Amino acid sequence: MGYAAKDYSHLIGMEGFSETLLKNHFTLYEGYVANTNRLLDTLAEMVREGKIGTPEYAELKRRTGFEFNGMRLHEYYFENLGGKEPINRSGKLGNKLVEDFGSIENWEADFRGTGSMRGIGWAILYQDNLTGKLMNQWINEHETGHLAGCISILVMDVFEHAFMIDYGLKRADYIATFFKNIKWGVVDGRLK
């Protein structure tokens, strides 16, 4: 059974994100879903045909991380958008950010700094599944830099497609708008 693209059209009308930008972004996400399904089907067929160990099999296996993570990271991203309320500073996440970063402001400065780095990819607030510690991390493209076993708590897309239609090269303005639209209840719910 393949993956199905989720409907995020409820985000249309979100402050600071044009309908054109969002619809283009949704279409890109749908492509990752389609390519993930196509790759998994092709790999399963190659296994049935005994084509394991071929260069083609190896390259498709490598490509799967890019396509699958492109699908899943977009889902996390869209699902943590659409909020209008500020972070609950005395809630579970607010308290954990203070514990691990010294203050919510320190965490936010580090997260914004991570997202402002040159390159294409993602800024992710992770929780170490063994220690519970929170860490901000840069992910290059979709598949390089993930912290093994860690849980994605907050995901921000910083590929140009996420902001250039509305913000041009002003990534910092996009990041400010992203922060105004975080659905903190979803983010808090990802925390273990």
N, C-alpha and C. Protein backbone atom coordinates (compact mmCIF):
# COMPACT_ATOMS: atom_id res chain seq x y z
N MET A 1 0.85 -1.19 0.00
CA MET A 1 0.00 0.00 0.00
C MET A 1 0.89 1.24 0.00
N GLY A 2 0.65 2.12 -0.94
CA GLY A 2 1.48 3.31 -1.08
C GLY A 2 1.07 4.44 -0.15
N TYR A 3 1.87 5.46 -0.15
CA TYR A 3 1.59 6.67 0.63
C TYR A 3 0.63 7.56 -0.15
N ALA A 4 -0.21 8.29 0.55
CA ALA A 4 -1.14 9.23 -0.08
C ALA A 4 -0.78 10.64 0.38
N ALA A 5 -0.82 11.57 -0.55
CA ALA A 5 -0.56 12.97 -0.20
C ALA A 5 -1.69 13.48 0.69
N LYS A 6 -1.32 14.21 1.71
CA LYS A 6 -2.30 14.80 2.63
C LYS A 6 -2.75 16.15 2.07
N ASP A 7 -3.93 16.55 2.47
CA ASP A 7 -4.50 17.82 2.01
C ASP A 7 -4.21 18.91 3.04
N TYR A 8 -3.43 19.89 2.64
CA TYR A 8 -3.07 21.01 3.52
C TYR A 8 -3.70 22.32 3.04
N SER A 9 -4.73 22.23 2.23
CA SER A 9 -5.34 23.44 1.66
C SER A 9 -5.92 24.36 2.73
N HIS A 10 -6.16 23.84 3.94
CA HIS A 10 -6.65 24.71 5.02
C HIS A 10 -5.64 25.80 5.38
N LEU A 11 -4.38 25.64 4.94
CA LEU A 11 -3.37 26.66 5.22
C LEU A 11 -3.47 27.87 4.28
N ILE A 12 -4.22 27.73 3.19
CA ILE A 12 -4.40 28.86 2.27
C ILE A 12 -5.11 29.98 3.03
N GLY A 13 -4.55 31.18 2.93
CA GLY A 13 -5.06 32.32 3.68
C GLY A 13 -4.23 32.62 4.92
N MET A 14 -3.25 31.75 5.21
CA MET A 14 -2.37 31.97 6.35
C MET A 14 -1.58 33.26 6.15
N GLU A 15 -1.49 34.06 7.18
CA GLU A 15 -0.80 35.35 7.10
C GLU A 15 0.64 35.20 6.64
N GLY A 16 1.01 35.97 5.59
CA GLY A 16 2.38 36.02 5.13
C GLY A 16 2.75 34.97 4.10
N PHE A 17 1.82 34.09 3.75
CA PHE A 17 2.06 33.06 2.74
C PHE A 17 1.01 33.20 1.66
N SER A 18 1.43 33.56 0.46
CA SER A 18 0.47 33.74 -0.63
C SER A 18 -0.12 32.40 -1.07
N GLU A 19 -1.27 32.47 -1.68
CA GLU A 19 -1.91 31.27 -2.21
C GLU A 19 -1.01 30.62 -3.27
N THR A 20 -0.37 31.44 -4.10
CA THR A 20 0.52 30.92 -5.13
C THR A 20 1.68 30.15 -4.51
N LEU A 21 2.32 30.71 -3.50
CA LEU A 21 3.43 30.03 -2.85
C LEU A 21 2.96 28.71 -2.26
N LEU A 22 1.86 28.72 -1.53
CA LEU A 22 1.39 27.49 -0.88
C LEU A 22 0.99 26.43 -1.90
N LYS A 23 0.28 26.81 -2.94
CA LYS A 23 -0.14 25.82 -3.95
C LYS A 23 1.08 25.21 -4.65
N ASN A 24 2.07 26.03 -4.96
CA ASN A 24 3.30 25.50 -5.54
C ASN A 24 4.00 24.54 -4.58
N HIS A 25 4.00 24.89 -3.31
CA HIS A 25 4.65 24.06 -2.29
C HIS A 25 3.91 22.74 -2.13
N PHE A 26 2.58 22.79 -2.14
CA PHE A 26 1.79 21.56 -2.05
C PHE A 26 2.07 20.64 -3.24
N THR A 27 2.18 21.23 -4.43
CA THR A 27 2.46 20.43 -5.63
C THR A 27 3.83 19.77 -5.53
N LEU A 28 4.81 20.49 -5.04
CA LEU A 28 6.14 19.93 -4.84
C LEU A 28 6.07 18.75 -3.87
N TYR A 29 5.36 18.93 -2.76
CA TYR A 29 5.19 17.85 -1.78
C TYR A 29 4.53 16.63 -2.42
N GLU A 30 3.49 16.85 -3.21
CA GLU A 30 2.81 15.74 -3.88
C GLU A 30 3.78 14.96 -4.78
N GLY A 31 4.73 15.66 -5.37
CA GLY A 31 5.75 14.99 -6.17
C GLY A 31 6.63 14.08 -5.34
N TYR A 32 6.97 14.50 -4.12
CA TYR A 32 7.76 13.64 -3.24
C TYR A 32 6.98 12.38 -2.86
N VAL A 33 5.68 12.54 -2.63
CA VAL A 33 4.85 11.37 -2.31
C VAL A 33 4.83 10.41 -3.50
N ALA A 34 4.59 10.95 -4.69
CA ALA A 34 4.54 10.10 -5.89
C ALA A 34 5.88 9.41 -6.13
N ASN A 35 6.98 10.14 -5.99
CA ASN A 35 8.29 9.56 -6.22
C ASN A 35 8.66 8.52 -5.16
N THR A 36 8.23 8.74 -3.92
CA THR A 36 8.46 7.74 -2.87
C THR A 36 7.76 6.44 -3.24
N ASN A 37 6.50 6.54 -3.63
CA ASN A 37 5.74 5.34 -4.02
C ASN A 37 6.39 4.65 -5.22
N ARG A 38 6.78 5.44 -6.21
CA ARG A 38 7.40 4.89 -7.41
C ARG A 38 8.71 4.16 -7.07
N LEU A 39 9.53 4.77 -6.23
CA LEU A 39 10.79 4.14 -5.84
C LEU A 39 10.56 2.85 -5.07
N LEU A 40 9.66 2.87 -4.11
CA LEU A 40 9.39 1.67 -3.32
C LEU A 40 8.85 0.54 -4.18
N ASP A 41 7.97 0.87 -5.12
CA ASP A 41 7.44 -0.15 -6.04
C ASP A 41 8.54 -0.71 -6.92
N THR A 42 9.39 0.15 -7.44
CA THR A 42 10.47 -0.29 -8.32
C THR A 42 11.46 -1.17 -7.56
N LEU A 43 11.80 -0.77 -6.34
CA LEU A 43 12.73 -1.57 -5.53
C LEU A 43 12.13 -2.94 -5.20
N ALA A 44 10.84 -2.97 -4.87
CA ALA A 44 10.19 -4.26 -4.58
C ALA A 44 10.22 -5.17 -5.81
N GLU A 45 10.00 -4.59 -6.98
CA GLU A 45 10.05 -5.35 -8.22
C GLU A 45 11.47 -5.88 -8.48
N MET A 46 12.46 -5.06 -8.21
CA MET A 46 13.85 -5.48 -8.40
C MET A 46 14.20 -6.65 -7.47
N VAL A 47 13.67 -6.63 -6.24
CA VAL A 47 13.91 -7.73 -5.31
C VAL A 47 13.28 -9.01 -5.87
N ARG A 48 12.04 -8.92 -6.33
CA ARG A 48 11.35 -10.09 -6.90
C ARG A 48 12.09 -10.64 -8.11
N GLU A 49 12.72 -9.76 -8.87
CA GLU A 49 13.43 -10.18 -10.09
C GLU A 49 14.89 -10.54 -9.84
N GLY A 50 15.30 -10.49 -8.57
CA GLY A 50 16.68 -10.86 -8.24
C GLY A 50 17.72 -9.85 -8.68
N LYS A 51 17.33 -8.58 -8.77
CA LYS A 51 18.27 -7.54 -9.23
C LYS A 51 18.96 -6.81 -8.08
N ILE A 52 18.98 -7.43 -6.92
CA ILE A 52 19.70 -6.85 -5.78
C ILE A 52 21.19 -6.94 -6.08
N GLY A 53 21.93 -5.94 -5.66
CA GLY A 53 23.36 -5.94 -5.90
C GLY A 53 23.76 -5.27 -7.19
N THR A 54 22.79 -4.78 -7.93
CA THR A 54 23.11 -4.08 -9.17
C THR A 54 23.34 -2.60 -8.87
N PRO A 55 24.07 -1.91 -9.73
CA PRO A 55 24.25 -0.46 -9.52
C PRO A 55 22.91 0.28 -9.53
N GLU A 56 21.98 -0.15 -10.34
CA GLU A 56 20.67 0.51 -10.40
C GLU A 56 19.93 0.38 -9.07
N TYR A 57 19.96 -0.81 -8.50
CA TYR A 57 19.33 -1.05 -7.20
C TYR A 57 19.97 -0.16 -6.14
N ALA A 58 21.29 -0.12 -6.12
CA ALA A 58 22.02 0.67 -5.12
C ALA A 58 21.66 2.16 -5.22
N GLU A 59 21.60 2.67 -6.43
CA GLU A 59 21.29 4.10 -6.60
C GLU A 59 19.85 4.42 -6.21
N LEU A 60 18.94 3.52 -6.52
CA LEU A 60 17.54 3.74 -6.12
C LEU A 60 17.41 3.68 -4.60
N LYS A 61 18.13 2.78 -3.96
CA LYS A 61 18.13 2.72 -2.49
C LYS A 61 18.63 4.04 -1.90
N ARG A 62 19.70 4.58 -2.49
CA ARG A 62 20.23 5.85 -2.00
C ARG A 62 19.23 6.98 -2.22
N ARG A 63 18.56 6.97 -3.33
CA ARG A 63 17.59 8.03 -3.66
C ARG A 63 16.37 8.00 -2.75
N THR A 64 16.05 6.84 -2.21
CA THR A 64 14.85 6.70 -1.37
C THR A 64 14.89 7.65 -0.18
N GLY A 65 16.04 7.82 0.44
CA GLY A 65 16.15 8.74 1.58
C GLY A 65 15.77 10.16 1.20
N PHE A 66 16.21 10.59 0.03
CA PHE A 66 15.88 11.94 -0.43
C PHE A 66 14.38 12.10 -0.64
N GLU A 67 13.77 11.19 -1.37
CA GLU A 67 12.35 11.31 -1.69
C GLU A 67 11.46 11.10 -0.46
N PHE A 68 11.75 10.06 0.33
CA PHE A 68 10.93 9.79 1.52
C PHE A 68 11.02 10.94 2.51
N ASN A 69 12.25 11.39 2.80
CA ASN A 69 12.40 12.51 3.74
C ASN A 69 11.79 13.79 3.19
N GLY A 70 11.87 13.99 1.86
CA GLY A 70 11.20 15.14 1.26
C GLY A 70 9.70 15.10 1.52
N MET A 71 9.12 13.92 1.44
CA MET A 71 7.70 13.75 1.73
C MET A 71 7.42 14.00 3.22
N ARG A 72 8.11 13.29 4.07
CA ARG A 72 7.81 13.33 5.50
C ARG A 72 8.13 14.69 6.13
N LEU A 73 9.25 15.30 5.76
CA LEU A 73 9.59 16.61 6.32
C LEU A 73 8.55 17.67 5.92
N HIS A 74 8.05 17.59 4.69
CA HIS A 74 7.00 18.52 4.30
C HIS A 74 5.73 18.29 5.12
N GLU A 75 5.42 17.06 5.44
CA GLU A 75 4.25 16.79 6.28
C GLU A 75 4.42 17.40 7.67
N TYR A 76 5.59 17.18 8.27
CA TYR A 76 5.85 17.80 9.58
C TYR A 76 5.76 19.33 9.48
N TYR A 77 6.35 19.87 8.44
CA TYR A 77 6.35 21.33 8.23
C TYR A 77 4.93 21.88 8.12
N PHE A 78 4.15 21.34 7.19
CA PHE A 78 2.79 21.85 7.02
C PHE A 78 1.95 21.65 8.27
N GLU A 79 2.15 20.54 8.98
CA GLU A 79 1.37 20.26 10.17
C GLU A 79 1.74 21.17 11.34
N ASN A 80 2.98 21.73 11.36
CA ASN A 80 3.29 22.66 12.45
C ASN A 80 3.07 24.12 12.05
N LEU A 81 2.31 24.33 10.96
CA LEU A 81 1.91 25.68 10.54
C LEU A 81 0.40 25.87 10.71
N GLY A 82 0.00 27.13 10.72
CA GLY A 82 -1.42 27.47 10.80
C GLY A 82 -1.86 27.96 12.17
N GLY A 83 -0.90 28.16 13.06
CA GLY A 83 -1.23 28.64 14.40
C GLY A 83 -1.29 30.16 14.46
N LYS A 84 -1.95 30.64 15.48
CA LYS A 84 -2.07 32.08 15.69
C LYS A 84 -1.68 32.49 17.11
N GLU A 85 -1.48 31.52 17.97
CA GLU A 85 -1.17 31.80 19.37
C GLU A 85 0.33 31.72 19.62
N PRO A 86 0.83 32.50 20.58
CA PRO A 86 2.27 32.39 20.92
C PRO A 86 2.54 31.09 21.68
N ILE A 87 3.80 30.77 21.80
CA ILE A 87 4.20 29.59 22.57
C ILE A 87 3.71 29.74 24.01
N ASN A 88 3.30 28.65 24.61
CA ASN A 88 2.93 28.64 26.03
C ASN A 88 4.24 28.57 26.82
N ARG A 89 4.64 29.71 27.33
CA ARG A 89 5.95 29.81 27.99
C ARG A 89 6.05 28.95 29.24
N SER A 90 4.91 28.63 29.86
CA SER A 90 4.94 27.79 31.07
C SER A 90 4.48 26.36 30.78
N GLY A 91 4.30 26.03 29.50
CA GLY A 91 3.90 24.68 29.11
C GLY A 91 5.09 23.75 29.05
N LYS A 92 4.81 22.53 28.65
CA LYS A 92 5.85 21.48 28.59
C LYS A 92 7.02 21.89 27.70
N LEU A 93 6.71 22.36 26.49
CA LEU A 93 7.77 22.76 25.57
C LEU A 93 8.50 24.00 26.07
N GLY A 94 7.76 25.00 26.51
CA GLY A 94 8.39 26.22 27.02
C GLY A 94 9.37 25.92 28.14
N ASN A 95 8.96 25.08 29.08
CA ASN A 95 9.84 24.71 30.19
C ASN A 95 11.06 23.94 29.72
N LYS A 96 10.87 23.05 28.75
CA LYS A 96 11.99 22.25 28.24
C LYS A 96 12.98 23.11 27.48
N LEU A 97 12.48 24.09 26.73
CA LEU A 97 13.38 25.00 26.02
C LEU A 97 14.24 25.79 27.01
N VAL A 98 13.65 26.24 28.09
CA VAL A 98 14.40 26.97 29.12
C VAL A 98 15.44 26.05 29.75
N GLU A 99 15.04 24.82 30.03
CA GLU A 99 15.97 23.85 30.64
C GLU A 99 17.18 23.59 29.75
N ASP A 100 16.95 23.43 28.45
CA ASP A 100 18.04 23.03 27.56
C ASP A 100 18.79 24.18 26.90
N PHE A 101 18.16 25.36 26.79
CA PHE A 101 18.81 26.49 26.12
C PHE A 101 19.03 27.69 27.04
N GLY A 102 18.53 27.63 28.26
CA GLY A 102 18.68 28.75 29.19
C GLY A 102 17.50 29.70 29.16
N SER A 103 16.88 29.85 27.99
CA SER A 103 15.68 30.69 27.84
C SER A 103 15.05 30.36 26.48
N ILE A 104 13.79 30.72 26.35
CA ILE A 104 13.12 30.56 25.06
C ILE A 104 13.78 31.46 24.02
N GLU A 105 14.20 32.63 24.44
CA GLU A 105 14.86 33.56 23.52
C GLU A 105 16.17 33.00 22.99
N ASN A 106 16.95 32.35 23.86
CA ASN A 106 18.19 31.72 23.40
C ASN A 106 17.90 30.63 22.37
N TRP A 107 16.88 29.79 22.67
CA TRP A 107 16.52 28.75 21.71
C TRP A 107 16.11 29.37 20.38
N GLU A 108 15.23 30.39 20.44
CA GLU A 108 14.72 30.99 19.20
C GLU A 108 15.86 31.61 18.39
N ALA A 109 16.78 32.29 19.06
CA ALA A 109 17.92 32.87 18.34
C ALA A 109 18.74 31.78 17.65
N ASP A 110 18.95 30.67 18.33
CA ASP A 110 19.72 29.57 17.74
C ASP A 110 18.95 28.92 16.59
N PHE A 111 17.64 28.74 16.74
CA PHE A 111 16.83 28.14 15.67
C PHE A 111 16.80 29.05 14.45
N ARG A 112 16.58 30.36 14.67
CA ARG A 112 16.60 31.30 13.54
C ARG A 112 17.98 31.32 12.88
N GLY A 113 19.03 31.28 13.69
CA GLY A 113 20.38 31.25 13.15
C GLY A 113 20.63 30.01 12.32
N THR A 114 20.11 28.88 12.78
CA THR A 114 20.25 27.63 12.03
C THR A 114 19.53 27.75 10.69
N GLY A 115 18.32 28.28 10.71
CA GLY A 115 17.55 28.45 9.48
C GLY A 115 18.13 29.49 8.54
N SER A 116 18.92 30.39 9.05
CA SER A 116 19.52 31.46 8.23
C SER A 116 20.82 31.07 7.56
N MET A 117 21.31 29.89 7.87
CA MET A 117 22.58 29.45 7.28
C MET A 117 22.45 29.36 5.77
N ARG A 118 23.54 29.63 5.08
CA ARG A 118 23.55 29.51 3.61
C ARG A 118 23.35 28.05 3.23
N GLY A 119 22.61 27.86 2.18
CA GLY A 119 22.38 26.51 1.69
C GLY A 119 20.91 26.20 1.58
N ILE A 120 20.62 24.99 1.10
CA ILE A 120 19.24 24.55 0.97
C ILE A 120 19.01 23.40 1.94
N GLY A 121 17.88 23.43 2.59
CA GLY A 121 17.59 22.36 3.53
C GLY A 121 16.51 22.72 4.52
N TRP A 122 16.73 22.30 5.74
CA TRP A 122 15.74 22.40 6.80
C TRP A 122 16.41 22.80 8.11
N ALA A 123 15.66 23.50 8.96
CA ALA A 123 16.05 23.69 10.35
C ALA A 123 15.07 22.88 11.18
N ILE A 124 15.61 22.03 12.04
CA ILE A 124 14.76 21.15 12.84
C ILE A 124 15.16 21.24 14.30
N LEU A 125 14.15 21.40 15.15
CA LEU A 125 14.33 21.24 16.60
C LEU A 125 14.08 19.76 16.88
N TYR A 126 15.13 19.09 17.32
CA TYR A 126 15.05 17.67 17.63
C TYR A 126 15.02 17.45 19.13
N GLN A 127 14.43 16.31 19.51
CA GLN A 127 14.55 15.82 20.88
C GLN A 127 15.28 14.48 20.84
N ASP A 128 16.36 14.39 21.58
CA ASP A 128 17.09 13.13 21.69
C ASP A 128 16.17 12.13 22.39
N ASN A 129 15.90 11.01 21.73
CA ASN A 129 14.97 10.05 22.29
C ASN A 129 15.54 9.30 23.49
N LEU A 130 16.84 9.37 23.73
CA LEU A 130 17.43 8.70 24.88
C LEU A 130 17.55 9.62 26.09
N THR A 131 17.95 10.87 25.86
CA THR A 131 18.18 11.78 26.99
C THR A 131 17.08 12.82 27.16
N GLY A 132 16.28 13.04 26.11
CA GLY A 132 15.24 14.07 26.15
C GLY A 132 15.75 15.45 25.78
N LYS A 133 17.05 15.61 25.60
CA LYS A 133 17.65 16.93 25.30
C LYS A 133 17.15 17.45 23.96
N LEU A 134 16.89 18.75 23.91
CA LEU A 134 16.49 19.43 22.68
C LEU A 134 17.70 20.04 21.99
N MET A 135 17.74 19.93 20.65
CA MET A 135 18.85 20.46 19.86
C MET A 135 18.32 20.97 18.54
N ASN A 136 18.83 22.10 18.09
CA ASN A 136 18.53 22.61 16.75
C ASN A 136 19.57 22.06 15.79
N GLN A 137 19.12 21.66 14.59
CA GLN A 137 20.03 21.04 13.64
C GLN A 137 19.70 21.48 12.22
N TRP A 138 20.73 21.68 11.42
CA TRP A 138 20.59 21.93 9.99
C TRP A 138 20.57 20.59 9.26
N ILE A 139 19.63 20.44 8.35
CA ILE A 139 19.56 19.25 7.49
C ILE A 139 19.82 19.73 6.07
N ASN A 140 20.85 19.19 5.45
CA ASN A 140 21.17 19.55 4.07
C ASN A 140 20.28 18.74 3.14
N GLU A 141 19.66 19.44 2.18
CA GLU A 141 18.68 18.84 1.29
C GLU A 141 17.63 18.15 2.17
N HIS A 142 17.42 16.85 2.03
CA HIS A 142 16.43 16.17 2.88
C HIS A 142 17.04 15.07 3.74
N GLU A 143 18.23 14.60 3.35
CA GLU A 143 18.69 13.36 3.94
C GLU A 143 20.02 13.43 4.67
N THR A 144 20.67 14.57 4.70
CA THR A 144 22.00 14.64 5.30
C THR A 144 21.98 15.52 6.55
N GLY A 145 22.39 14.95 7.66
CA GLY A 145 22.51 15.71 8.90
C GLY A 145 21.49 15.35 9.96
N HIS A 146 20.60 14.40 9.67
CA HIS A 146 19.62 13.99 10.68
C HIS A 146 20.34 13.37 11.87
N LEU A 147 19.82 13.63 13.05
CA LEU A 147 20.39 13.08 14.27
C LEU A 147 19.71 11.73 14.54
N ALA A 148 20.46 10.65 14.47
CA ALA A 148 19.91 9.29 14.52
C ALA A 148 19.04 9.08 15.75
N GLY A 149 17.83 8.62 15.50
CA GLY A 149 16.90 8.27 16.56
C GLY A 149 16.20 9.44 17.22
N CYS A 150 16.55 10.66 16.84
CA CYS A 150 15.93 11.83 17.46
C CYS A 150 14.55 12.10 16.86
N ILE A 151 13.73 12.77 17.62
CA ILE A 151 12.35 13.07 17.24
C ILE A 151 12.28 14.50 16.71
N SER A 152 11.66 14.67 15.55
CA SER A 152 11.46 16.01 14.99
C SER A 152 10.34 16.70 15.77
N ILE A 153 10.67 17.82 16.39
CA ILE A 153 9.70 18.55 17.21
C ILE A 153 9.13 19.74 16.44
N LEU A 154 10.00 20.55 15.84
CA LEU A 154 9.61 21.69 15.01
C LEU A 154 10.43 21.63 13.73
N VAL A 155 9.74 21.74 12.58
CA VAL A 155 10.40 21.61 11.28
C VAL A 155 10.14 22.86 10.46
N MET A 156 11.21 23.48 9.97
CA MET A 156 11.10 24.66 9.11
C MET A 156 11.83 24.40 7.80
N ASP A 157 11.10 24.53 6.71
CA ASP A 157 11.66 24.38 5.36
C ASP A 157 12.39 25.66 5.01
N VAL A 158 13.67 25.54 4.65
CA VAL A 158 14.42 26.72 4.21
C VAL A 158 15.01 26.53 2.81
N PHE A 159 14.42 25.60 2.04
CA PHE A 159 14.68 25.58 0.61
C PHE A 159 14.07 26.87 0.03
N GLU A 160 14.61 27.37 -1.05
CA GLU A 160 14.10 28.60 -1.64
C GLU A 160 12.63 28.52 -2.02
N HIS A 161 12.15 27.33 -2.41
CA HIS A 161 10.75 27.22 -2.82
C HIS A 161 9.79 27.57 -1.69
N ALA A 162 10.27 27.51 -0.44
CA ALA A 162 9.41 27.79 0.71
C ALA A 162 9.16 29.28 0.89
N PHE A 163 9.97 30.14 0.25
CA PHE A 163 9.82 31.57 0.52
C PHE A 163 10.06 32.51 -0.65
N MET A 164 10.75 32.11 -1.70
CA MET A 164 11.18 33.08 -2.72
C MET A 164 10.04 33.75 -3.47
N ILE A 165 8.93 33.06 -3.70
CA ILE A 165 7.81 33.69 -4.40
C ILE A 165 7.33 34.91 -3.63
N ASP A 166 7.29 34.82 -2.31
CA ASP A 166 6.78 35.92 -1.48
C ASP A 166 7.87 36.83 -0.94
N TYR A 167 9.07 36.30 -0.70
CA TYR A 167 10.10 37.06 0.02
C TYR A 167 11.38 37.28 -0.77
N GLY A 168 11.46 36.78 -1.99
CA GLY A 168 12.70 36.92 -2.74
C GLY A 168 13.85 36.30 -1.96
N LEU A 169 14.93 37.03 -1.80
CA LEU A 169 16.09 36.53 -1.07
C LEU A 169 16.06 36.87 0.42
N LYS A 170 14.96 37.42 0.91
CA LYS A 170 14.85 37.85 2.31
C LYS A 170 14.42 36.69 3.20
N ARG A 171 15.34 35.77 3.40
CA ARG A 171 15.06 34.57 4.21
C ARG A 171 14.67 34.94 5.64
N ALA A 172 15.32 35.95 6.20
CA ALA A 172 15.01 36.36 7.58
C ALA A 172 13.56 36.82 7.71
N ASP A 173 13.03 37.50 6.69
CA ASP A 173 11.62 37.92 6.72
C ASP A 173 10.70 36.71 6.68
N TYR A 174 11.06 35.72 5.85
CA TYR A 174 10.28 34.47 5.81
C TYR A 174 10.30 33.79 7.18
N ILE A 175 11.47 33.70 7.79
CA ILE A 175 11.59 33.04 9.10
C ILE A 175 10.73 33.76 10.13
N ALA A 176 10.71 35.09 10.10
CA ALA A 176 9.86 35.85 11.03
C ALA A 176 8.39 35.50 10.81
N THR A 177 7.98 35.38 9.55
CA THR A 177 6.60 35.01 9.24
C THR A 177 6.31 33.57 9.67
N PHE A 178 7.26 32.68 9.44
CA PHE A 178 7.12 31.30 9.90
C PHE A 178 6.81 31.28 11.40
N PHE A 179 7.58 32.04 12.17
CA PHE A 179 7.38 32.06 13.64
C PHE A 179 5.99 32.59 14.02
N LYS A 180 5.44 33.49 13.24
CA LYS A 180 4.10 34.02 13.54
C LYS A 180 3.01 32.99 13.27
N ASN A 181 3.34 31.94 12.52
CA ASN A 181 2.33 30.96 12.10
C ASN A 181 2.55 29.56 12.66
N ILE A 182 3.45 29.42 13.64
CA ILE A 182 3.68 28.09 14.22
C ILE A 182 2.45 27.67 15.02
N LYS A 183 2.06 26.43 14.81
CA LYS A 183 0.96 25.84 15.58
C LYS A 183 1.61 25.14 16.79
N TRP A 184 1.77 25.90 17.87
CA TRP A 184 2.54 25.44 19.02
C TRP A 184 1.94 24.21 19.68
N GLY A 185 0.62 24.03 19.61
CA GLY A 185 0.00 22.85 20.19
C GLY A 185 0.49 21.57 19.52
N VAL A 186 0.66 21.62 18.19
CA VAL A 186 1.19 20.46 17.44
C VAL A 186 2.64 20.21 17.85
N VAL A 187 3.41 21.29 17.91
CA VAL A 187 4.83 21.16 18.27
C VAL A 187 4.96 20.59 19.67
N ASP A 188 4.21 21.12 20.62
CA ASP A 188 4.23 20.66 22.00
C ASP A 188 3.84 19.18 22.07
N GLY A 189 2.90 18.77 21.24
CA GLY A 189 2.44 17.39 21.23
C GLY A 189 3.47 16.40 20.72
N ARG A 190 4.47 16.86 19.99
CA ARG A 190 5.54 15.97 19.50
C ARG A 190 6.58 15.70 20.57
N LEU A 191 6.61 16.53 21.59
CA LEU A 191 7.60 16.39 22.66
C LEU A 191 7.28 15.16 23.52
N LYS A 192 8.29 14.39 23.81
CA LYS A 192 8.10 13.19 24.65
C LYS A 192 8.46 13.48 26.09
